[in-house]
Amino acid sequence: MLEVGTQAPGFSAPDQDGEEVSLQSLRGNWVIFWWYPKASTPG
């Protein structure tokens, strides 16, 4: 668990087009990472 104010660790994730985007490639910009953990799951 990250503490408030802690910098996010480096990571990569696919964007809406399936292209990999890394946090490093967005350095210097505001970033919002949003996901739905229960999306596409039963229940």
N, C-alpha and C. Protein backbone atom coordinates (compact mmCIF):
# COMPACT_ATOMS: atom_id res chain seq x y z
N MET A 1 0.85 -1.17 0.00
CA MET A 1 0.00 0.00 0.00
C MET A 1 0.90 1.24 0.00
N LEU A 2 0.57 2.19 -0.85
CA LEU A 2 1.34 3.44 -0.90
C LEU A 2 0.77 4.44 0.10
N GLU A 3 1.64 5.19 0.71
CA GLU A 3 1.24 6.28 1.59
C GLU A 3 0.90 7.50 0.74
N VAL A 4 0.01 8.34 1.23
CA VAL A 4 -0.34 9.58 0.53
C VAL A 4 0.92 10.39 0.32
N GLY A 5 1.10 10.89 -0.91
CA GLY A 5 2.26 11.70 -1.25
C GLY A 5 3.45 10.91 -1.78
N THR A 6 3.37 9.58 -1.72
CA THR A 6 4.44 8.74 -2.24
C THR A 6 4.38 8.71 -3.76
N GLN A 7 5.53 8.79 -4.40
CA GLN A 7 5.54 8.69 -5.86
C GLN A 7 5.15 7.29 -6.28
N ALA A 8 4.43 7.20 -7.38
CA ALA A 8 4.01 5.90 -7.91
C ALA A 8 5.22 5.13 -8.43
N PRO A 9 5.25 3.83 -8.21
CA PRO A 9 6.33 3.02 -8.78
C PRO A 9 6.18 2.93 -10.29
N GLY A 10 7.25 2.65 -10.99
CA GLY A 10 7.19 2.51 -12.44
C GLY A 10 6.30 1.35 -12.84
N PHE A 11 5.52 1.52 -13.88
CA PHE A 11 4.68 0.44 -14.38
C PHE A 11 4.34 0.70 -15.84
N SER A 12 3.84 -0.32 -16.50
CA SER A 12 3.34 -0.22 -17.87
C SER A 12 1.94 -0.81 -17.88
N ALA A 13 1.11 -0.31 -18.78
CA ALA A 13 -0.25 -0.83 -18.93
C ALA A 13 -0.71 -0.56 -20.36
N PRO A 14 -1.60 -1.39 -20.88
CA PRO A 14 -2.12 -1.13 -22.22
C PRO A 14 -3.12 0.02 -22.20
N ASP A 15 -3.08 0.84 -23.24
CA ASP A 15 -4.06 1.92 -23.35
C ASP A 15 -5.32 1.39 -24.05
N GLN A 16 -6.24 2.26 -24.37
CA GLN A 16 -7.51 1.85 -24.97
C GLN A 16 -7.35 1.20 -26.34
N ASP A 17 -6.18 1.38 -26.96
CA ASP A 17 -5.91 0.76 -28.27
C ASP A 17 -5.02 -0.47 -28.15
N GLY A 18 -4.70 -0.87 -26.91
CA GLY A 18 -3.86 -2.04 -26.70
C GLY A 18 -2.37 -1.75 -26.76
N GLU A 19 -1.98 -0.48 -26.92
CA GLU A 19 -0.57 -0.10 -26.96
C GLU A 19 -0.04 0.06 -25.54
N GLU A 20 1.18 -0.44 -25.28
CA GLU A 20 1.78 -0.31 -23.96
C GLU A 20 2.19 1.15 -23.71
N VAL A 21 1.82 1.65 -22.56
CA VAL A 21 2.21 2.99 -22.12
C VAL A 21 2.88 2.83 -20.77
N SER A 22 4.03 3.45 -20.60
CA SER A 22 4.72 3.36 -19.31
C SER A 22 4.61 4.69 -18.58
N LEU A 23 4.67 4.61 -17.28
CA LEU A 23 4.65 5.83 -16.48
C LEU A 23 5.85 6.70 -16.84
N GLN A 24 6.99 6.09 -17.10
CA GLN A 24 8.20 6.84 -17.48
C GLN A 24 7.96 7.66 -18.75
N SER A 25 7.23 7.12 -19.72
CA SER A 25 7.00 7.84 -20.98
C SER A 25 6.10 9.05 -20.78
N LEU A 26 5.40 9.12 -19.64
CA LEU A 26 4.50 10.23 -19.35
C LEU A 26 5.09 11.21 -18.34
N ARG A 27 6.35 11.00 -17.98
CA ARG A 27 7.02 11.83 -16.97
C ARG A 27 6.90 13.30 -17.34
N GLY A 28 6.58 14.13 -16.34
CA GLY A 28 6.45 15.57 -16.55
C GLY A 28 5.02 15.99 -16.87
N ASN A 29 4.12 15.02 -17.00
CA ASN A 29 2.71 15.30 -17.29
C ASN A 29 1.85 14.82 -16.14
N TRP A 30 0.66 15.37 -16.00
CA TRP A 30 -0.31 14.86 -15.05
C TRP A 30 -0.81 13.53 -15.58
N VAL A 31 -0.97 12.55 -14.70
CA VAL A 31 -1.42 11.22 -15.11
C VAL A 31 -2.55 10.76 -14.19
N ILE A 32 -3.62 10.27 -14.77
CA ILE A 32 -4.69 9.62 -14.02
C ILE A 32 -4.79 8.20 -14.54
N PHE A 33 -4.67 7.25 -13.63
CA PHE A 33 -4.78 5.84 -13.99
C PHE A 33 -6.09 5.35 -13.41
N TRP A 34 -7.02 4.99 -14.26
CA TRP A 34 -8.36 4.61 -13.83
C TRP A 34 -8.67 3.22 -14.33
N TRP A 35 -9.19 2.38 -13.48
CA TRP A 35 -9.58 1.05 -13.91
C TRP A 35 -10.76 0.59 -13.07
N TYR A 36 -11.42 -0.40 -13.57
CA TYR A 36 -12.55 -1.00 -12.89
C TYR A 36 -12.16 -2.44 -12.56
N PRO A 37 -11.80 -2.72 -11.31
CA PRO A 37 -11.30 -4.06 -10.99
C PRO A 37 -12.33 -5.17 -11.23
N LYS A 38 -13.60 -4.87 -11.21
CA LYS A 38 -14.60 -5.92 -11.41
C LYS A 38 -15.19 -5.89 -12.82
N ALA A 39 -14.66 -5.06 -13.70
CA ALA A 39 -15.16 -5.02 -15.07
C ALA A 39 -14.89 -6.35 -15.76
N SER A 40 -15.81 -6.77 -16.54
CA SER A 40 -15.69 -8.01 -17.33
C SER A 40 -15.52 -9.25 -16.44
N THR A 41 -16.03 -9.20 -15.22
CA THR A 41 -15.98 -10.38 -14.36
C THR A 41 -17.41 -10.74 -13.95
N PRO A 42 -17.67 -12.01 -13.72
CA PRO A 42 -19.01 -12.39 -13.31
C PRO A 42 -19.31 -11.85 -11.90
N GLY A 43 -20.55 -11.49 -11.69
CA GLY A 43 -20.98 -11.06 -10.37
C GLY A 43 -20.81 -9.64 -10.19
